[in-house]
Amino acid sequence: MLALPPAPQPEPKRQVFVGTALAVTAGATLIGGMLAIWLRFRAAAPTGEGDKHAIVKEWLPKALDVPGVAANMLPMALVVACVMAQWAVYAAKRDFRPHVGMAFGLNFLFGLAALNVQVYVWVHMGVGINDDGAYAALFYALSGVLVFLLLTGLGYTAVAATRYLGGRHDLEAVSAHALYWYFLAVATAAVWFVVYIQK
């Protein structure tokens, strides 16, 4: 008696990747909305005359000093973190575990570097968290959300690395992890440009 061939396997639902994509969309909406509020407050601020008769916005604190080199290192560290996240995907597709582990480790390290840079910028700028005015409130709201997203990315890296290196070989989690770090790099670049470059 002949048996029927087995039914085809159902397509994977890719819940982790879809969930990460939804979280990335929500995060992009949050960062975009906060940057829009920042730009609106900056546009509505009165203008005054600064050094060499330059027109400046008067919403900035008087002794504001943005450390340019440190602020520029923030998006650069996250670009390298994205390269490491993509390296993890590349190595995971070829099931080369030592490279996956190294890529996750370096990704985590560059994420920590970006976090360290943000804390240094906070300390160097010296903006009081309970200063009056829109600038201090918006500055800490935006940079605080960025730090929260960075901490979430570091946690995601730890979980994805544990799942893959622990024997599950979950390629979907590794790919979703890379998607999150791409979002984090773009969000950081937007905050860096508006908050630290344009002021």
C-alpha atoms as a PDB file:
ATOM      1  CA  MET A   1       0.000   0.000   0.000  1.00  0.00           C
ATOM      2  CA  LEU A   2       1.372   3.396  -0.984  1.00  0.00           C
ATOM      3  CA  ALA A   3       1.437   6.250   1.505  1.00  0.00           C
ATOM      4  CA  LEU A   4       0.835   9.833   0.591  1.00  0.00           C
ATOM      5  CA  PRO A   5       3.868  12.134   0.710  1.00  0.00           C
ATOM      6  CA  PRO A   6       4.105  14.342   3.781  1.00  0.00           C
ATOM      7  CA  ALA A   7       2.427  17.700   3.636  1.00  0.00           C
ATOM      8  CA  PRO A   8       4.700  20.675   2.961  1.00  0.00           C
ATOM      9  CA  GLN A   9       5.969  22.486   6.017  1.00  0.00           C
ATOM     10  CA  PRO A  10       4.124  25.749   6.737  1.00  0.00           C
ATOM     11  CA  GLU A  11       6.003  28.945   6.108  1.00  0.00           C
ATOM     12  CA  PRO A  12       7.669  30.373   9.224  1.00  0.00           C
ATOM     13  CA  LYS A  13       5.663  33.187  10.764  1.00  0.00           C
ATOM     14  CA  ARG A  14       8.756  35.253  11.658  1.00  0.00           C
ATOM     15  CA  GLN A  15       7.182  36.647  14.828  1.00  0.00           C
ATOM     16  CA  VAL A  16      10.471  37.970  16.233  1.00  0.00           C
ATOM     17  CA  PHE A  17      11.329  39.892  13.068  1.00  0.00           C
ATOM     18  CA  VAL A  18       7.799  41.296  12.687  1.00  0.00           C
ATOM     19  CA  GLY A  19       7.680  42.248  16.375  1.00  0.00           C
ATOM     20  CA  THR A  20      11.025  44.005  16.064  1.00  0.00           C
ATOM     21  CA  ALA A  21       9.825  45.810  12.938  1.00  0.00           C
ATOM     22  CA  LEU A  22       6.741  47.040  14.829  1.00  0.00           C
ATOM     23  CA  ALA A  23       8.900  48.180  17.759  1.00  0.00           C
ATOM     24  CA  VAL A  24      11.242  49.961  15.337  1.00  0.00           C
ATOM     25  CA  THR A  25       8.267  51.712  13.714  1.00  0.00           C
ATOM     26  CA  ALA A  26       6.990  52.835  17.121  1.00  0.00           C
ATOM     27  CA  GLY A  27      10.469  54.041  18.088  1.00  0.00           C
ATOM     28  CA  ALA A  28      10.875  55.948  14.833  1.00  0.00           C
ATOM     29  CA  THR A  29       7.512  57.620  15.408  1.00  0.00           C
ATOM     30  CA  LEU A  30       8.532  58.571  18.955  1.00  0.00           C
ATOM     31  CA  ILE A  31      11.899  60.020  17.922  1.00  0.00           C
ATOM     32  CA  GLY A  32      10.361  61.812  14.926  1.00  0.00           C
ATOM     33  CA  GLY A  33       7.653  63.368  17.088  1.00  0.00           C
ATOM     34  CA  MET A  34      10.150  64.495  19.724  1.00  0.00           C
ATOM     35  CA  LEU A  35      12.407  66.030  17.082  1.00  0.00           C
ATOM     36  CA  ALA A  36       9.399  67.837  15.599  1.00  0.00           C
ATOM     37  CA  ILE A  37       8.614  69.324  19.025  1.00  0.00           C
ATOM     38  CA  TRP A  38      12.282  70.333  19.403  1.00  0.00           C
ATOM     39  CA  LEU A  39      12.269  72.082  16.020  1.00  0.00           C
ATOM     40  CA  ARG A  40       8.999  73.833  16.804  1.00  0.00           C
ATOM     41  CA  PHE A  41      10.307  75.201  20.117  1.00  0.00           C
ATOM     42  CA  ARG A  42      13.550  76.264  18.466  1.00  0.00           C
ATOM     43  CA  ALA A  43      11.694  78.044  15.660  1.00  0.00           C
ATOM     44  CA  ALA A  44       9.457  79.865  18.145  1.00  0.00           C
ATOM     45  CA  ALA A  45      12.363  81.033  20.334  1.00  0.00           C
ATOM     46  CA  PRO A  46      13.233  84.737  20.193  1.00  0.00           C
ATOM     47  CA  THR A  47      16.431  85.712  18.429  1.00  0.00           C
ATOM     48  CA  GLY A  48      19.207  87.939  19.683  1.00  0.00           C
ATOM     49  CA  GLU A  49      22.565  89.207  18.558  1.00  0.00           C
ATOM     50  CA  GLY A  50      25.569  87.067  19.446  1.00  0.00           C
ATOM     51  CA  ASP A  51      29.288  87.338  18.870  1.00  0.00           C
ATOM     52  CA  LYS A  52      30.319  89.136  15.675  1.00  0.00           C
ATOM     53  CA  HIS A  53      26.716  90.261  15.131  1.00  0.00           C
ATOM     54  CA  ALA A  54      25.496  86.733  14.461  1.00  0.00           C
ATOM     55  CA  ILE A  55      21.815  86.043  14.976  1.00  0.00           C
ATOM     56  CA  VAL A  56      21.353  83.385  17.680  1.00  0.00           C
ATOM     57  CA  LYS A  57      18.343  81.735  19.268  1.00  0.00           C
ATOM     58  CA  GLU A  58      17.902  82.842  22.877  1.00  0.00           C
ATOM     59  CA  TRP A  59      16.531  79.516  24.077  1.00  0.00           C
ATOM     60  CA  LEU A  60      20.052  78.068  24.496  1.00  0.00           C
ATOM     61  CA  PRO A  61      21.591  78.256  27.983  1.00  0.00           C
ATOM     62  CA  LYS A  62      24.222  80.986  28.233  1.00  0.00           C
ATOM     63  CA  ALA A  63      27.275  78.802  28.924  1.00  0.00           C
ATOM     64  CA  LEU A  64      26.294  75.917  26.630  1.00  0.00           C
ATOM     65  CA  ASP A  65      29.338  74.054  25.342  1.00  0.00           C
ATOM     66  CA  VAL A  66      28.674  70.996  23.176  1.00  0.00           C
ATOM     67  CA  PRO A  67      31.798  68.789  23.010  1.00  0.00           C
ATOM     68  CA  GLY A  68      32.050  68.439  19.244  1.00  0.00           C
ATOM     69  CA  VAL A  69      34.440  65.485  19.072  1.00  0.00           C
ATOM     70  CA  ALA A  70      32.516  63.440  21.621  1.00  0.00           C
ATOM     71  CA  ALA A  71      29.157  64.266  20.036  1.00  0.00           C
ATOM     72  CA  ASN A  72      30.510  63.221  16.629  1.00  0.00           C
ATOM     73  CA  MET A  73      31.677  59.892  18.069  1.00  0.00           C
ATOM     74  CA  LEU A  74      28.096  58.989  19.012  1.00  0.00           C
ATOM     75  CA  PRO A  75      26.765  58.210  15.498  1.00  0.00           C
ATOM     76  CA  MET A  76      30.146  56.842  14.406  1.00  0.00           C
ATOM     77  CA  ALA A  77      30.131  54.229  17.193  1.00  0.00           C
ATOM     78  CA  LEU A  78      26.666  53.128  16.140  1.00  0.00           C
ATOM     79  CA  VAL A  79      27.663  52.808  12.483  1.00  0.00           C
ATOM     80  CA  VAL A  80      30.385  50.380  13.560  1.00  0.00           C
ATOM     81  CA  ALA A  81      27.850  48.581  15.789  1.00  0.00           C
ATOM     82  CA  CYS A  82      25.622  48.145  12.699  1.00  0.00           C
ATOM     83  CA  VAL A  83      28.528  46.645  10.764  1.00  0.00           C
ATOM     84  CA  MET A  84      29.078  44.185  13.619  1.00  0.00           C
ATOM     85  CA  ALA A  85      25.364  43.301  13.719  1.00  0.00           C
ATOM     86  CA  GLN A  86      25.412  42.610   9.981  1.00  0.00           C
ATOM     87  CA  TRP A  87      28.555  40.532  10.401  1.00  0.00           C
ATOM     88  CA  ALA A  88      26.649  38.415  12.942  1.00  0.00           C
ATOM     89  CA  VAL A  89      23.906  37.836  10.346  1.00  0.00           C
ATOM     90  CA  TYR A  90      26.457  36.944   7.670  1.00  0.00           C
ATOM     91  CA  ALA A  91      28.247  34.470   9.950  1.00  0.00           C
ATOM     92  CA  ALA A  92      24.998  32.985  11.292  1.00  0.00           C
ATOM     93  CA  LYS A  93      23.778  32.227   7.752  1.00  0.00           C
ATOM     94  CA  ARG A  94      26.988  30.234   7.239  1.00  0.00           C
ATOM     95  CA  ASP A  95      26.739  28.687  10.739  1.00  0.00           C
ATOM     96  CA  PHE A  96      30.191  29.941  11.735  1.00  0.00           C
ATOM     97  CA  ARG A  97      29.719  30.283  15.482  1.00  0.00           C
ATOM     98  CA  PRO A  98      33.095  31.814  16.451  1.00  0.00           C
ATOM     99  CA  HIS A  99      32.469  34.756  14.130  1.00  0.00           C
ATOM    100  CA  VAL A 100      28.901  35.122  15.371  1.00  0.00           C
ATOM    101  CA  GLY A 101      30.175  35.310  18.941  1.00  0.00           C
ATOM    102  CA  MET A 102      32.881  37.803  18.019  1.00  0.00           C
ATOM    103  CA  ALA A 103      30.412  39.970  16.091  1.00  0.00           C
ATOM    104  CA  PHE A 104      27.939  40.025  18.984  1.00  0.00           C
ATOM    105  CA  GLY A 105      30.726  40.857  21.429  1.00  0.00           C
ATOM    106  CA  LEU A 106      31.998  43.750  19.329  1.00  0.00           C
ATOM    107  CA  ASN A 107      28.444  44.956  18.727  1.00  0.00           C
ATOM    108  CA  PHE A 108      27.883  45.056  22.488  1.00  0.00           C
ATOM    109  CA  LEU A 109      31.212  46.828  23.009  1.00  0.00           C
ATOM    110  CA  PHE A 110      30.452  49.586  20.493  1.00  0.00           C
ATOM    111  CA  GLY A 111      26.970  49.978  21.971  1.00  0.00           C
ATOM    112  CA  LEU A 112      28.589  50.517  25.369  1.00  0.00           C
ATOM    113  CA  ALA A 113      30.959  53.031  23.755  1.00  0.00           C
ATOM    114  CA  ALA A 114      27.986  55.013  22.406  1.00  0.00           C
ATOM    115  CA  LEU A 115      26.373  54.938  25.849  1.00  0.00           C
ATOM    116  CA  ASN A 116      29.605  56.157  27.413  1.00  0.00           C
ATOM    117  CA  VAL A 117      29.840  59.006  24.896  1.00  0.00           C
ATOM    118  CA  GLN A 118      26.292  60.132  25.691  1.00  0.00           C
ATOM    119  CA  VAL A 119      27.005  60.184  29.428  1.00  0.00           C
ATOM    120  CA  TYR A 120      30.206  62.171  28.786  1.00  0.00           C
ATOM    121  CA  VAL A 121      28.250  64.700  26.720  1.00  0.00           C
ATOM    122  CA  TRP A 122      25.743  65.106  29.578  1.00  0.00           C
ATOM    123  CA  VAL A 123      28.506  65.747  32.093  1.00  0.00           C
ATOM    124  CA  HIS A 124      30.477  68.094  29.836  1.00  0.00           C
ATOM    125  CA  MET A 125      27.518  70.223  28.743  1.00  0.00           C
ATOM    126  CA  GLY A 126      26.425  70.809  32.329  1.00  0.00           C
ATOM    127  CA  VAL A 127      22.780  71.491  31.500  1.00  0.00           C
ATOM    128  CA  GLY A 128      20.845  71.275  34.774  1.00  0.00           C
ATOM    129  CA  ILE A 129      18.096  68.693  34.691  1.00  0.00           C
ATOM    130  CA  ASN A 130      15.767  71.007  36.655  1.00  0.00           C
ATOM    131  CA  ASP A 131      16.752  74.221  34.899  1.00  0.00           C
ATOM    132  CA  ASP A 132      13.862  76.383  33.824  1.00  0.00           C
ATOM    133  CA  GLY A 133      13.185  76.629  30.130  1.00  0.00           C
ATOM    134  CA  ALA A 134      12.277  74.427  27.241  1.00  0.00           C
ATOM    135  CA  TYR A 135      15.843  73.586  26.248  1.00  0.00           C
ATOM    136  CA  ALA A 136      16.751  71.569  29.356  1.00  0.00           C
ATOM    137  CA  ALA A 137      13.458  69.675  29.365  1.00  0.00           C
ATOM    138  CA  LEU A 138      13.614  68.797  25.689  1.00  0.00           C
ATOM    139  CA  PHE A 139      17.342  68.029  25.768  1.00  0.00           C
ATOM    140  CA  TYR A 140      17.015  65.479  28.562  1.00  0.00           C
ATOM    141  CA  ALA A 141      13.791  64.052  27.142  1.00  0.00           C
ATOM    142  CA  LEU A 142      15.411  63.386  23.755  1.00  0.00           C
ATOM    143  CA  SER A 143      18.771  62.199  25.014  1.00  0.00           C
ATOM    144  CA  GLY A 144      17.083  60.165  27.767  1.00  0.00           C
ATOM    145  CA  VAL A 145      14.942  58.324  25.226  1.00  0.00           C
ATOM    146  CA  LEU A 146      18.093  57.717  23.187  1.00  0.00           C
ATOM    147  CA  VAL A 147      19.840  56.219  26.225  1.00  0.00           C
ATOM    148  CA  PHE A 148      16.792  54.022  26.898  1.00  0.00           C
ATOM    149  CA  LEU A 149      16.889  52.789  23.282  1.00  0.00           C
ATOM    150  CA  LEU A 150      20.636  52.107  23.606  1.00  0.00           C
ATOM    151  CA  LEU A 151      20.098  50.092  26.791  1.00  0.00           C
ATOM    152  CA  THR A 152      17.322  48.171  25.039  1.00  0.00           C
ATOM    153  CA  GLY A 153      19.704  47.457  22.147  1.00  0.00           C
ATOM    154  CA  LEU A 154      22.354  46.153  24.542  1.00  0.00           C
ATOM    155  CA  GLY A 155      19.772  43.877  26.151  1.00  0.00           C
ATOM    156  CA  TYR A 156      18.647  42.702  22.704  1.00  0.00           C
ATOM    157  CA  THR A 157      22.265  41.899  21.820  1.00  0.00           C
ATOM    158  CA  ALA A 158      22.673  39.844  24.987  1.00  0.00           C
ATOM    159  CA  VAL A 159      19.457  37.898  24.360  1.00  0.00           C
ATOM    160  CA  ALA A 160      20.140  37.271  20.652  1.00  0.00           C
ATOM    161  CA  ALA A 161      23.693  36.145  21.385  1.00  0.00           C
ATOM    162  CA  THR A 162      22.530  33.814  24.162  1.00  0.00           C
ATOM    163  CA  ARG A 163      19.846  32.271  21.949  1.00  0.00           C
ATOM    164  CA  TYR A 164      22.164  31.686  19.009  1.00  0.00           C
ATOM    165  CA  LEU A 165      25.313  30.650  20.824  1.00  0.00           C
ATOM    166  CA  GLY A 166      23.321  28.560  23.298  1.00  0.00           C
ATOM    167  CA  GLY A 167      22.461  26.132  20.512  1.00  0.00           C
ATOM    168  CA  ARG A 168      19.157  27.366  19.107  1.00  0.00           C
ATOM    169  CA  HIS A 169      20.728  28.750  15.887  1.00  0.00           C
ATOM    170  CA  ASP A 170      17.897  31.261  15.637  1.00  0.00           C
ATOM    171  CA  LEU A 171      18.748  33.150  12.450  1.00  0.00           C
ATOM    172  CA  GLU A 172      15.532  35.171  12.645  1.00  0.00           C
ATOM    173  CA  ALA A 173      16.539  36.638  16.031  1.00  0.00           C
ATOM    174  CA  VAL A 174      19.977  37.538  14.656  1.00  0.00           C
ATOM    175  CA  SER A 175      18.404  39.310  11.647  1.00  0.00           C
ATOM    176  CA  ALA A 176      15.866  41.117  13.839  1.00  0.00           C
ATOM    177  CA  HIS A 177      18.715  42.199  16.108  1.00  0.00           C
ATOM    178  CA  ALA A 178      20.492  43.772  13.122  1.00  0.00           C
ATOM    179  CA  LEU A 179      17.277  45.577  12.126  1.00  0.00           C
ATOM    180  CA  TYR A 180      17.025  47.107  15.604  1.00  0.00           C
ATOM    181  CA  TRP A 181      20.626  48.379  15.464  1.00  0.00           C
ATOM    182  CA  TYR A 182      20.019  49.915  12.029  1.00  0.00           C
ATOM    183  CA  PHE A 183      17.068  51.799  13.488  1.00  0.00           C
ATOM    184  CA  LEU A 184      19.161  52.851  16.479  1.00  0.00           C
ATOM    185  CA  ALA A 185      21.910  54.230  14.224  1.00  0.00           C
ATOM    186  CA  VAL A 186      19.437  56.245  12.132  1.00  0.00           C
ATOM    187  CA  ALA A 187      17.618  57.583  15.223  1.00  0.00           C
ATOM    188  CA  THR A 188      20.916  58.567  16.831  1.00  0.00           C
ATOM    189  CA  ALA A 189      22.094  60.306  13.664  1.00  0.00           C
ATOM    190  CA  ALA A 190      18.856  62.320  13.545  1.00  0.00           C
ATOM    191  CA  VAL A 191      19.138  63.349  17.215  1.00  0.00           C
ATOM    192  CA  TRP A 192      22.843  64.133  16.780  1.00  0.00           C
ATOM    193  CA  PHE A 193      22.182  66.392  13.790  1.00  0.00           C
ATOM    194  CA  VAL A 194      19.260  68.306  15.287  1.00  0.00           C
ATOM    195  CA  VAL A 195      20.377  68.539  18.932  1.00  0.00           C
ATOM    196  CA  TYR A 196      24.177  68.686  18.781  1.00  0.00           C
ATOM    197  CA  ILE A 197      24.919  70.153  15.347  1.00  0.00           C
ATOM    198  CA  GLN A 198      22.039  72.539  14.661  1.00  0.00           C
ATOM    199  CA  LYS A 199      21.297  73.243  18.369  1.00  0.00           C
END
